[in-house]
Amino acid sequence: MIAVMFTDFQQSVWEALKTIPRGKVTTYGEIARYLGRPRAARAVGSAVGKNPNAPEVPCHRVVPSSGLVGNYSGPGGRDGKIKLLKEEGVVFERGKVGEFYRF
């Protein structure tokens, strides 16, 4: 068996994901700012994509700053992400998170 090692940064991103309330979304950039690394949005995206505990650690609640759905490496892929968000009450309009500015 190969031991998988995760960085402190990845683990801090996953901890930050746990603070996103059900039915809300945030952006990769906001997570980076929350962690005190405002220029690390891409690194946050990489860490989110490697989340080994999706959807229990809710990486599906993170979207690009455009409000589009973005990718999802958890169960069901992108469609699974949309399904989870809709189940939490997130509304979509024309392929984007509806009223994205509210989140």
PDB file of N, CA and C in Angstrom:
ATOM      1  N   MET A   1       0.850  -1.176   0.000  1.00  0.00           N
ATOM      2  CA  MET A   1       0.000   0.000   0.000  1.00  0.00           C
ATOM      3  C   MET A   1       0.897   1.241   0.000  1.00  0.00           C
ATOM      4  N   ILE A   2       0.527   2.231  -0.767  1.00  0.00           N
ATOM      5  CA  ILE A   2       1.291   3.469  -0.837  1.00  0.00           C
ATOM      6  C   ILE A   2       0.640   4.493   0.084  1.00  0.00           C
ATOM      7  N   ALA A   3       1.438   5.095   0.941  1.00  0.00           N
ATOM      8  CA  ALA A   3       0.917   6.140   1.830  1.00  0.00           C
ATOM      9  C   ALA A   3       0.789   7.433   1.038  1.00  0.00           C
ATOM     10  N   VAL A   4      -0.348   8.069   1.146  1.00  0.00           N
ATOM     11  CA  VAL A   4      -0.577   9.327   0.466  1.00  0.00           C
ATOM     12  C   VAL A   4      -0.318  10.452   1.460  1.00  0.00           C
ATOM     13  N   MET A   5       0.533  11.371   1.063  1.00  0.00           N
ATOM     14  CA  MET A   5       0.868  12.497   1.926  1.00  0.00           C
ATOM     15  C   MET A   5       0.207  13.760   1.390  1.00  0.00           C
ATOM     16  N   PHE A   6      -0.374  14.511   2.249  1.00  0.00           N
ATOM     17  CA  PHE A   6      -0.994  15.771   1.867  1.00  0.00           C
ATOM     18  C   PHE A   6      -0.230  16.907   2.527  1.00  0.00           C
ATOM     19  N   THR A   7      -0.180  18.036   1.851  1.00  0.00           N
ATOM     20  CA  THR A   7       0.550  19.181   2.389  1.00  0.00           C
ATOM     21  C   THR A   7      -0.282  19.892   3.451  1.00  0.00           C
ATOM     22  N   ASP A   8       0.409  20.691   4.250  1.00  0.00           N
ATOM     23  CA  ASP A   8      -0.291  21.505   5.246  1.00  0.00           C
ATOM     24  C   ASP A   8      -1.273  22.451   4.554  1.00  0.00           C
ATOM     25  N   PHE A   9      -0.873  22.991   3.399  1.00  0.00           N
ATOM     26  CA  PHE A   9      -1.761  23.906   2.680  1.00  0.00           C
ATOM     27  C   PHE A   9      -3.038  23.182   2.243  1.00  0.00           C
ATOM     28  N   GLN A  10      -2.898  22.002   1.658  1.00  0.00           N
ATOM     29  CA  GLN A  10      -4.083  21.239   1.241  1.00  0.00           C
ATOM     30  C   GLN A  10      -4.996  20.991   2.432  1.00  0.00           C
ATOM     31  N   GLN A  11      -4.428  20.592   3.536  1.00  0.00           N
ATOM     32  CA  GLN A  11      -5.231  20.308   4.717  1.00  0.00           C
ATOM     33  C   GLN A  11      -5.914  21.576   5.237  1.00  0.00           C
ATOM     34  N   SER A  12      -5.242  22.730   5.128  1.00  0.00           N
ATOM     35  CA  SER A  12      -5.882  23.976   5.568  1.00  0.00           C
ATOM     36  C   SER A  12      -7.036  24.344   4.644  1.00  0.00           C
ATOM     37  N   VAL A  13      -6.898  24.052   3.359  1.00  0.00           N
ATOM     38  CA  VAL A  13      -8.007  24.294   2.425  1.00  0.00           C
ATOM     39  C   VAL A  13      -9.190  23.410   2.792  1.00  0.00           C
ATOM     40  N   TRP A  14      -8.938  22.143   3.064  1.00  0.00           N
ATOM     41  CA  TRP A  14     -10.029  21.221   3.401  1.00  0.00           C
ATOM     42  C   TRP A  14     -10.707  21.617   4.698  1.00  0.00           C
ATOM     43  N   GLU A  15      -9.950  22.132   5.639  1.00  0.00           N
ATOM     44  CA  GLU A  15     -10.561  22.622   6.879  1.00  0.00           C
ATOM     45  C   GLU A  15     -11.433  23.844   6.589  1.00  0.00           C
ATOM     46  N   ALA A  16     -10.966  24.716   5.710  1.00  0.00           N
ATOM     47  CA  ALA A  16     -11.754  25.898   5.342  1.00  0.00           C
ATOM     48  C   ALA A  16     -13.060  25.496   4.668  1.00  0.00           C
ATOM     49  N   LEU A  17     -13.025  24.439   3.870  1.00  0.00           N
ATOM     50  CA  LEU A  17     -14.243  23.979   3.190  1.00  0.00           C
ATOM     51  C   LEU A  17     -15.332  23.613   4.193  1.00  0.00           C
ATOM     52  N   LYS A  18     -14.933  23.092   5.320  1.00  0.00           N
ATOM     53  CA  LYS A  18     -15.895  22.675   6.344  1.00  0.00           C
ATOM     54  C   LYS A  18     -16.655  23.855   6.947  1.00  0.00           C
ATOM     55  N   THR A  19     -16.156  25.074   6.735  1.00  0.00           N
ATOM     56  CA  THR A  19     -16.817  26.253   7.306  1.00  0.00           C
ATOM     57  C   THR A  19     -17.880  26.842   6.379  1.00  0.00           C
ATOM     58  N   ILE A  20     -17.985  26.330   5.157  1.00  0.00           N
ATOM     59  CA  ILE A  20     -18.971  26.859   4.208  1.00  0.00           C
ATOM     60  C   ILE A  20     -20.335  26.271   4.566  1.00  0.00           C
ATOM     61  N   PRO A  21     -21.302  27.115   4.901  1.00  0.00           N
ATOM     62  CA  PRO A  21     -22.617  26.597   5.302  1.00  0.00           C
ATOM     63  C   PRO A  21     -23.350  25.887   4.164  1.00  0.00           C
ATOM     64  N   ARG A  22     -24.148  24.946   4.526  1.00  0.00           N
ATOM     65  CA  ARG A  22     -25.017  24.246   3.583  1.00  0.00           C
ATOM     66  C   ARG A  22     -25.876  25.273   2.843  1.00  0.00           C
ATOM     67  N   GLY A  23     -25.986  25.114   1.533  1.00  0.00           N
ATOM     68  CA  GLY A  23     -26.810  26.013   0.736  1.00  0.00           C
ATOM     69  C   GLY A  23     -26.108  27.295   0.324  1.00  0.00           C
ATOM     70  N   LYS A  24     -24.836  27.426   0.649  1.00  0.00           N
ATOM     71  CA  LYS A  24     -24.058  28.608   0.274  1.00  0.00           C
ATOM     72  C   LYS A  24     -22.895  28.175  -0.609  1.00  0.00           C
ATOM     73  N   VAL A  25     -22.376  29.103  -1.375  1.00  0.00           N
ATOM     74  CA  VAL A  25     -21.188  28.841  -2.178  1.00  0.00           C
ATOM     75  C   VAL A  25     -20.179  29.949  -1.941  1.00  0.00           C
ATOM     76  N   THR A  26     -18.938  29.646  -2.263  1.00  0.00           N
ATOM     77  CA  THR A  26     -17.869  30.638  -2.210  1.00  0.00           C
ATOM     78  C   THR A  26     -16.954  30.379  -3.390  1.00  0.00           C
ATOM     79  N   THR A  27     -15.927  31.198  -3.542  1.00  0.00           N
ATOM     80  CA  THR A  27     -15.000  31.055  -4.666  1.00  0.00           C
ATOM     81  C   THR A  27     -13.636  30.581  -4.182  1.00  0.00           C
ATOM     82  N   TYR A  28     -12.848  30.127  -5.129  1.00  0.00           N
ATOM     83  CA  TYR A  28     -11.479  29.722  -4.830  1.00  0.00           C
ATOM     84  C   TYR A  28     -10.700  30.918  -4.274  1.00  0.00           C
ATOM     85  N   GLY A  29     -10.920  32.086  -4.861  1.00  0.00           N
ATOM     86  CA  GLY A  29     -10.244  33.298  -4.399  1.00  0.00           C
ATOM     87  C   GLY A  29     -10.614  33.666  -2.978  1.00  0.00           C
ATOM     88  N   GLU A  30     -11.877  33.494  -2.624  1.00  0.00           N
ATOM     89  CA  GLU A  30     -12.306  33.800  -1.256  1.00  0.00           C
ATOM     90  C   GLU A  30     -11.669  32.846  -0.256  1.00  0.00           C
ATOM     91  N   ILE A  31     -11.547  31.587  -0.629  1.00  0.00           N
ATOM     92  CA  ILE A  31     -10.879  30.627   0.251  1.00  0.00           C
ATOM     93  C   ILE A  31      -9.413  31.046   0.423  1.00  0.00           C
ATOM     94  N   ALA A  32      -8.770  31.435  -0.674  1.00  0.00           N
ATOM     95  CA  ALA A  32      -7.371  31.872  -0.603  1.00  0.00           C
ATOM     96  C   ALA A  32      -7.232  33.072   0.329  1.00  0.00           C
ATOM     97  N   ARG A  33      -8.133  34.037   0.212  1.00  0.00           N
ATOM     98  CA  ARG A  33      -8.083  35.218   1.089  1.00  0.00           C
ATOM     99  C   ARG A  33      -8.324  34.817   2.544  1.00  0.00           C
ATOM    100  N   TYR A  34      -9.276  33.932   2.767  1.00  0.00           N
ATOM    101  CA  TYR A  34      -9.577  33.439   4.115  1.00  0.00           C
ATOM    102  C   TYR A  34      -8.331  32.833   4.767  1.00  0.00           C
ATOM    103  N   LEU A  35      -7.520  32.164   3.949  1.00  0.00           N
ATOM    104  CA  LEU A  35      -6.318  31.509   4.450  1.00  0.00           C
ATOM    105  C   LEU A  35      -5.122  32.454   4.530  1.00  0.00           C
ATOM    106  N   GLY A  36      -5.324  33.731   4.166  1.00  0.00           N
ATOM    107  CA  GLY A  36      -4.231  34.693   4.214  1.00  0.00           C
ATOM    108  C   GLY A  36      -3.273  34.582   3.047  1.00  0.00           C
ATOM    109  N   ARG A  37      -3.720  33.937   1.969  1.00  0.00           N
ATOM    110  CA  ARG A  37      -2.903  33.742   0.768  1.00  0.00           C
ATOM    111  C   ARG A  37      -3.682  34.234  -0.444  1.00  0.00           C
ATOM    112  N   PRO A  38      -3.943  35.541  -0.547  1.00  0.00           N
ATOM    113  CA  PRO A  38      -4.854  36.071  -1.563  1.00  0.00           C
ATOM    114  C   PRO A  38      -4.469  35.785  -3.010  1.00  0.00           C
ATOM    115  N   ARG A  39      -3.234  35.458  -3.264  1.00  0.00           N
ATOM    116  CA  ARG A  39      -2.807  35.168  -4.636  1.00  0.00           C
ATOM    117  C   ARG A  39      -2.791  33.666  -4.941  1.00  0.00           C
ATOM    118  N   ALA A  40      -3.335  32.864  -4.057  1.00  0.00           N
ATOM    119  CA  ALA A  40      -3.239  31.403  -4.176  1.00  0.00           C
ATOM    120  C   ALA A  40      -4.525  30.726  -4.641  1.00  0.00           C
ATOM    121  N   ALA A  41      -5.361  31.438  -5.395  1.00  0.00           N
ATOM    122  CA  ALA A  41      -6.642  30.851  -5.826  1.00  0.00           C
ATOM    123  C   ALA A  41      -6.434  29.569  -6.634  1.00  0.00           C
ATOM    124  N   ARG A  42      -5.448  29.542  -7.502  1.00  0.00           N
ATOM    125  CA  ARG A  42      -5.199  28.321  -8.296  1.00  0.00           C
ATOM    126  C   ARG A  42      -4.739  27.168  -7.414  1.00  0.00           C
ATOM    127  N   ALA A  43      -3.904  27.464  -6.436  1.00  0.00           N
ATOM    128  CA  ALA A  43      -3.455  26.423  -5.506  1.00  0.00           C
ATOM    129  C   ALA A  43      -4.634  25.897  -4.697  1.00  0.00           C
ATOM    130  N   VAL A  44      -5.544  26.795  -4.334  1.00  0.00           N
ATOM    131  CA  VAL A  44      -6.766  26.372  -3.643  1.00  0.00           C
ATOM    132  C   VAL A  44      -7.557  25.434  -4.553  1.00  0.00           C
ATOM    133  N   GLY A  45      -7.690  25.811  -5.827  1.00  0.00           N
ATOM    134  CA  GLY A  45      -8.411  24.956  -6.772  1.00  0.00           C
ATOM    135  C   GLY A  45      -7.798  23.580  -6.884  1.00  0.00           C
ATOM    136  N   SER A  46      -6.488  23.530  -6.901  1.00  0.00           N
ATOM    137  CA  SER A  46      -5.792  22.244  -6.961  1.00  0.00           C
ATOM    138  C   SER A  46      -6.068  21.417  -5.707  1.00  0.00           C
ATOM    139  N   ALA A  47      -6.002  22.060  -4.551  1.00  0.00           N
ATOM    140  CA  ALA A  47      -6.276  21.348  -3.296  1.00  0.00           C
ATOM    141  C   ALA A  47      -7.722  20.877  -3.228  1.00  0.00           C
ATOM    142  N   VAL A  48      -8.645  21.720  -3.674  1.00  0.00           N
ATOM    143  CA  VAL A  48     -10.064  21.345  -3.681  1.00  0.00           C
ATOM    144  C   VAL A  48     -10.259  20.116  -4.566  1.00  0.00           C
ATOM    145  N   GLY A  49      -9.592  20.101  -5.725  1.00  0.00           N
ATOM    146  CA  GLY A  49      -9.710  18.973  -6.644  1.00  0.00           C
ATOM    147  C   GLY A  49      -9.134  17.676  -6.108  1.00  0.00           C
ATOM    148  N   LYS A  50      -8.281  17.760  -5.110  1.00  0.00           N
ATOM    149  CA  LYS A  50      -7.666  16.572  -4.523  1.00  0.00           C
ATOM    150  C   LYS A  50      -8.325  16.159  -3.207  1.00  0.00           C
ATOM    151  N   ASN A  51      -9.417  16.802  -2.861  1.00  0.00           N
ATOM    152  CA  ASN A  51     -10.125  16.505  -1.616  1.00  0.00           C
ATOM    153  C   ASN A  51     -10.511  15.023  -1.595  1.00  0.00           C
ATOM    154  N   PRO A  52      -9.919  14.251  -0.684  1.00  0.00           N
ATOM    155  CA  PRO A  52     -10.208  12.819  -0.659  1.00  0.00           C
ATOM    156  C   PRO A  52     -11.523  12.464   0.051  1.00  0.00           C
ATOM    157  N   ASN A  53     -12.195  13.450   0.606  1.00  0.00           N
ATOM    158  CA  ASN A  53     -13.392  13.180   1.400  1.00  0.00           C
ATOM    159  C   ASN A  53     -14.641  13.886   0.887  1.00  0.00           C
ATOM    160  N   ALA A  54     -14.722  14.068  -0.416  1.00  0.00           N
ATOM    161  CA  ALA A  54     -15.925  14.672  -0.996  1.00  0.00           C
ATOM    162  C   ALA A  54     -17.044  13.632  -0.975  1.00  0.00           C
ATOM    163  N   PRO A  55     -18.259  14.010  -0.745  1.00  0.00           N
ATOM    164  CA  PRO A  55     -18.787  15.333  -0.442  1.00  0.00           C
ATOM    165  C   PRO A  55     -18.873  15.645   1.056  1.00  0.00           C
ATOM    166  N   GLU A  56     -18.362  14.748   1.910  1.00  0.00           N
ATOM    167  CA  GLU A  56     -18.423  15.024   3.350  1.00  0.00           C
ATOM    168  C   GLU A  56     -17.688  16.325   3.695  1.00  0.00           C
ATOM    169  N   VAL A  57     -16.541  16.527   3.064  1.00  0.00           N
ATOM    170  CA  VAL A  57     -15.855  17.821   3.131  1.00  0.00           C
ATOM    171  C   VAL A  57     -16.326  18.545   1.874  1.00  0.00           C
ATOM    172  N   PRO A  58     -17.182  19.553   2.028  1.00  0.00           N
ATOM    173  CA  PRO A  58     -18.011  20.070   0.935  1.00  0.00           C
ATOM    174  C   PRO A  58     -17.309  20.935  -0.115  1.00  0.00           C
ATOM    175  N   CYS A  59     -16.446  20.292  -0.908  1.00  0.00           N
ATOM    176  CA  CYS A  59     -15.774  21.032  -1.968  1.00  0.00           C
ATOM    177  C   CYS A  59     -16.751  21.430  -3.083  1.00  0.00           C
ATOM    178  N   HIS A  60     -17.919  20.806  -3.128  1.00  0.00           N
ATOM    179  CA  HIS A  60     -18.909  21.161  -4.137  1.00  0.00           C
ATOM    180  C   HIS A  60     -19.445  22.578  -3.935  1.00  0.00           C
ATOM    181  N   ARG A  61     -19.185  23.176  -2.785  1.00  0.00           N
ATOM    182  CA  ARG A  61     -19.669  24.524  -2.483  1.00  0.00           C
ATOM    183  C   ARG A  61     -18.702  25.616  -2.951  1.00  0.00           C
ATOM    184  N   VAL A  62     -17.660  25.228  -3.673  1.00  0.00           N
ATOM    185  CA  VAL A  62     -16.694  26.195  -4.193  1.00  0.00           C
ATOM    186  C   VAL A  62     -16.837  26.268  -5.707  1.00  0.00           C
ATOM    187  N   VAL A  63     -16.970  27.488  -6.213  1.00  0.00           N
ATOM    188  CA  VAL A  63     -17.143  27.718  -7.648  1.00  0.00           C
ATOM    189  C   VAL A  63     -16.176  28.810  -8.107  1.00  0.00           C
ATOM    190  N   PRO A  64     -15.929  28.900  -9.417  1.00  0.00           N
ATOM    191  CA  PRO A  64     -15.104  29.993  -9.927  1.00  0.00           C
ATOM    192  C   PRO A  64     -15.777  31.345  -9.697  1.00  0.00           C
ATOM    193  N   SER A  65     -14.994  32.408  -9.730  1.00  0.00           N
ATOM    194  CA  SER A  65     -15.531  33.754  -9.486  1.00  0.00           C
ATOM    195  C   SER A  65     -16.537  34.191 -10.542  1.00  0.00           C
ATOM    196  N   SER A  66     -16.604  33.484 -11.652  1.00  0.00           N
ATOM    197  CA  SER A  66     -17.582  33.787 -12.701  1.00  0.00           C
ATOM    198  C   SER A  66     -18.994  33.366 -12.302  1.00  0.00           C
ATOM    199  N   GLY A  67     -19.102  32.525 -11.275  1.00  0.00           N
ATOM    200  CA  GLY A  67     -20.399  31.993 -10.880  1.00  0.00           C
ATOM    201  C   GLY A  67     -20.773  30.722 -11.619  1.00  0.00           C
ATOM    202  N   LEU A  68     -19.937  30.316 -12.578  1.00  0.00           N
ATOM    203  CA  LEU A  68     -20.175  29.047 -13.271  1.00  0.00           C
ATOM    204  C   LEU A  68     -19.954  27.899 -12.298  1.00  0.00           C
ATOM    205  N   VAL A  69     -20.404  26.735 -12.660  1.00  0.00           N
ATOM    206  CA  VAL A  69     -20.314  25.578 -11.770  1.00  0.00           C
ATOM    207  C   VAL A  69     -18.871  25.121 -11.581  1.00  0.00           C
ATOM    208  N   GLY A  70     -18.102  25.110 -12.627  1.00  0.00           N
ATOM    209  CA  GLY A  70     -16.730  24.626 -12.539  1.00  0.00           C
ATOM    210  C   GLY A  70     -16.677  23.113 -12.509  1.00  0.00           C
ATOM    211  N   ASN A  71     -15.521  22.588 -12.222  1.00  0.00           N
ATOM    212  CA  ASN A  71     -15.313  21.140 -12.211  1.00  0.00           C
ATOM    213  C   ASN A  71     -15.620  20.558 -10.837  1.00  0.00           C
ATOM    214  N   TYR A  72     -15.678  19.220 -10.813  1.00  0.00           N
ATOM    215  CA  TYR A  72     -15.908  18.521  -9.550  1.00  0.00           C
ATOM    216  C   TYR A  72     -15.347  17.125  -9.688  1.00  0.00           C
ATOM    217  N   SER A  73     -14.415  16.773  -8.830  1.00  0.00           N
ATOM    218  CA  SER A  73     -13.824  15.443  -8.891  1.00  0.00           C
ATOM    219  C   SER A  73     -14.505  14.461  -7.945  1.00  0.00           C
ATOM    220  N   GLY A  74     -15.549  14.922  -7.269  1.00  0.00           N
ATOM    221  CA  GLY A  74     -16.305  14.056  -6.373  1.00  0.00           C
ATOM    222  C   GLY A  74     -17.271  13.177  -7.147  1.00  0.00           C
ATOM    223  N   PRO A  75     -18.085  12.428  -6.426  1.00  0.00           N
ATOM    224  CA  PRO A  75     -19.037  11.503  -7.053  1.00  0.00           C
ATOM    225  C   PRO A  75     -19.972  12.200  -8.047  1.00  0.00           C
ATOM    226  N   GLY A  76     -20.070  11.648  -9.236  1.00  0.00           N
ATOM    227  CA  GLY A  76     -20.985  12.171 -10.242  1.00  0.00           C
ATOM    228  C   GLY A  76     -20.416  13.295 -11.083  1.00  0.00           C
ATOM    229  N   GLY A  77     -19.179  13.694 -10.803  1.00  0.00           N
ATOM    230  CA  GLY A  77     -18.568  14.758 -11.594  1.00  0.00           C
ATOM    231  C   GLY A  77     -19.353  16.058 -11.500  1.00  0.00           C
ATOM    232  N   ARG A  78     -19.319  16.816 -12.566  1.00  0.00           N
ATOM    233  CA  ARG A  78     -19.976  18.128 -12.603  1.00  0.00           C
ATOM    234  C   ARG A  78     -21.477  18.019 -12.338  1.00  0.00           C
ATOM    235  N   ASP A  79     -22.123  17.026 -12.943  1.00  0.00           N
ATOM    236  CA  ASP A  79     -23.562  16.839 -12.711  1.00  0.00           C
ATOM    237  C   ASP A  79     -23.837  16.520 -11.245  1.00  0.00           C
ATOM    238  N   GLY A  80     -22.932  15.754 -10.615  1.00  0.00           N
ATOM    239  CA  GLY A  80     -23.076  15.450  -9.199  1.00  0.00           C
ATOM    240  C   GLY A  80     -22.968  16.705  -8.340  1.00  0.00           C
ATOM    241  N   LYS A  81     -22.073  17.619  -8.743  1.00  0.00           N
ATOM    242  CA  LYS A  81     -21.913  18.881  -8.023  1.00  0.00           C
ATOM    243  C   LYS A  81     -23.196  19.700  -8.107  1.00  0.00           C
ATOM    244  N   ILE A  82     -23.739  19.801  -9.293  1.00  0.00           N
ATOM    245  CA  ILE A  82     -24.988  20.555  -9.481  1.00  0.00           C
ATOM    246  C   ILE A  82     -26.110  19.936  -8.654  1.00  0.00           C
ATOM    247  N   LYS A  83     -26.197  18.616  -8.676  1.00  0.00           N
ATOM    248  CA  LYS A  83     -27.239  17.923  -7.915  1.00  0.00           C
ATOM    249  C   LYS A  83     -27.113  18.215  -6.424  1.00  0.00           C
ATOM    250  N   LEU A  84     -25.895  18.115  -5.892  1.00  0.00           N
ATOM    251  CA  LEU A  84     -25.681  18.387  -4.461  1.00  0.00           C
ATOM    252  C   LEU A  84     -26.076  19.817  -4.117  1.00  0.00           C
ATOM    253  N   LEU A  85     -25.656  20.779  -4.936  1.00  0.00           N
ATOM    254  CA  LEU A  85     -25.974  22.176  -4.657  1.00  0.00           C
ATOM    255  C   LEU A  85     -27.481  22.429  -4.737  1.00  0.00           C
ATOM    256  N   LYS A  86     -28.143  21.850  -5.715  1.00  0.00           N
ATOM    257  CA  LYS A  86     -29.598  22.024  -5.822  1.00  0.00           C
ATOM    258  C   LYS A  86     -30.308  21.417  -4.622  1.00  0.00           C
ATOM    259  N   GLU A  87     -29.820  20.257  -4.159  1.00  0.00           N
ATOM    260  CA  GLU A  87     -30.410  19.633  -2.973  1.00  0.00           C
ATOM    261  C   GLU A  87     -30.262  20.528  -1.745  1.00  0.00           C
ATOM    262  N   GLU A  88     -29.235  21.382  -1.744  1.00  0.00           N
ATOM    263  CA  GLU A  88     -29.010  22.307  -0.635  1.00  0.00           C
ATOM    264  C   GLU A  88     -29.748  23.631  -0.825  1.00  0.00           C
ATOM    265  N   GLY A  89     -30.459  23.765  -1.943  1.00  0.00           N
ATOM    266  CA  GLY A  89     -31.241  24.973  -2.171  1.00  0.00           C
ATOM    267  C   GLY A  89     -30.589  26.027  -3.039  1.00  0.00           C
ATOM    268  N   VAL A  90     -29.424  25.733  -3.606  1.00  0.00           N
ATOM    269  CA  VAL A  90     -28.765  26.684  -4.501  1.00  0.00           C
ATOM    270  C   VAL A  90     -29.497  26.667  -5.841  1.00  0.00           C
ATOM    271  N   VAL A  91     -29.811  27.855  -6.331  1.00  0.00           N
ATOM    272  CA  VAL A  91     -30.553  28.009  -7.587  1.00  0.00           C
ATOM    273  C   VAL A  91     -29.569  28.322  -8.709  1.00  0.00           C
ATOM    274  N   PHE A  92     -29.839  27.764  -9.882  1.00  0.00           N
ATOM    275  CA  PHE A  92     -29.000  28.024 -11.058  1.00  0.00           C
ATOM    276  C   PHE A  92     -29.812  28.761 -12.107  1.00  0.00           C
ATOM    277  N   GLU A  93     -29.162  29.701 -12.774  1.00  0.00           N
ATOM    278  CA  GLU A  93     -29.778  30.443 -13.868  1.00  0.00           C
ATOM    279  C   GLU A  93     -28.785  30.491 -15.019  1.00  0.00           C
ATOM    280  N   ARG A  94     -29.174  29.949 -16.150  1.00  0.00           N
ATOM    281  CA  ARG A  94     -28.330  29.960 -17.343  1.00  0.00           C
ATOM    282  C   ARG A  94     -26.927  29.413 -17.079  1.00  0.00           C
ATOM    283  N   GLY A  95     -26.847  28.301 -16.371  1.00  0.00           N
ATOM    284  CA  GLY A  95     -25.580  27.641 -16.131  1.00  0.00           C
ATOM    285  C   GLY A  95     -24.715  28.244 -15.040  1.00  0.00           C
ATOM    286  N   LYS A  96     -25.242  29.241 -14.347  1.00  0.00           N
ATOM    287  CA  LYS A  96     -24.494  29.886 -13.272  1.00  0.00           C
ATOM    288  C   LYS A  96     -25.288  29.810 -11.975  1.00  0.00           C
ATOM    289  N   VAL A  97     -24.574  30.015 -10.878  1.00  0.00           N
ATOM    290  CA  VAL A  97     -25.243  30.101  -9.584  1.00  0.00           C
ATOM    291  C   VAL A  97     -26.107  31.348  -9.618  1.00  0.00           C
ATOM    292  N   GLY A  98     -27.415  31.181  -9.400  1.00  0.00           N
ATOM    293  CA  GLY A  98     -28.329  32.316  -9.408  1.00  0.00           C
ATOM    294  C   GLY A  98     -28.061  33.248  -8.242  1.00  0.00           C
ATOM    295  N   GLU A  99     -28.217  34.533  -8.478  1.00  0.00           N
ATOM    296  CA  GLU A  99     -27.975  35.540  -7.445  1.00  0.00           C
ATOM    297  C   GLU A  99     -26.621  35.312  -6.778  1.00  0.00           C
ATOM    298  N   PHE A 100     -25.615  35.038  -7.601  1.00  0.00           N
ATOM    299  CA  PHE A 100     -24.278  34.719  -7.129  1.00  0.00           C
ATOM    300  C   PHE A 100     -23.716  35.803  -6.214  1.00  0.00           C
ATOM    301  N   TYR A 101     -24.045  37.033  -6.490  1.00  0.00           N
ATOM    302  CA  TYR A 101     -23.529  38.157  -5.688  1.00  0.00           C
ATOM    303  C   TYR A 101     -23.936  38.043  -4.219  1.00  0.00           C
ATOM    304  N   ARG A 102     -25.033  37.347  -3.914  1.00  0.00           N
ATOM    305  CA  ARG A 102     -25.495  37.195  -2.539  1.00  0.00           C
ATOM    306  C   ARG A 102     -24.599  36.301  -1.715  1.00  0.00           C
ATOM    307  N   PHE A 103     -23.846  35.448  -2.371  1.00  0.00           N
ATOM    308  CA  PHE A 103     -23.045  34.454  -1.655  1.00  0.00           C
ATOM    309  C   PHE A 103     -21.642  34.975  -1.424  1.00  0.00           C
TER     310      PHE A 103
END
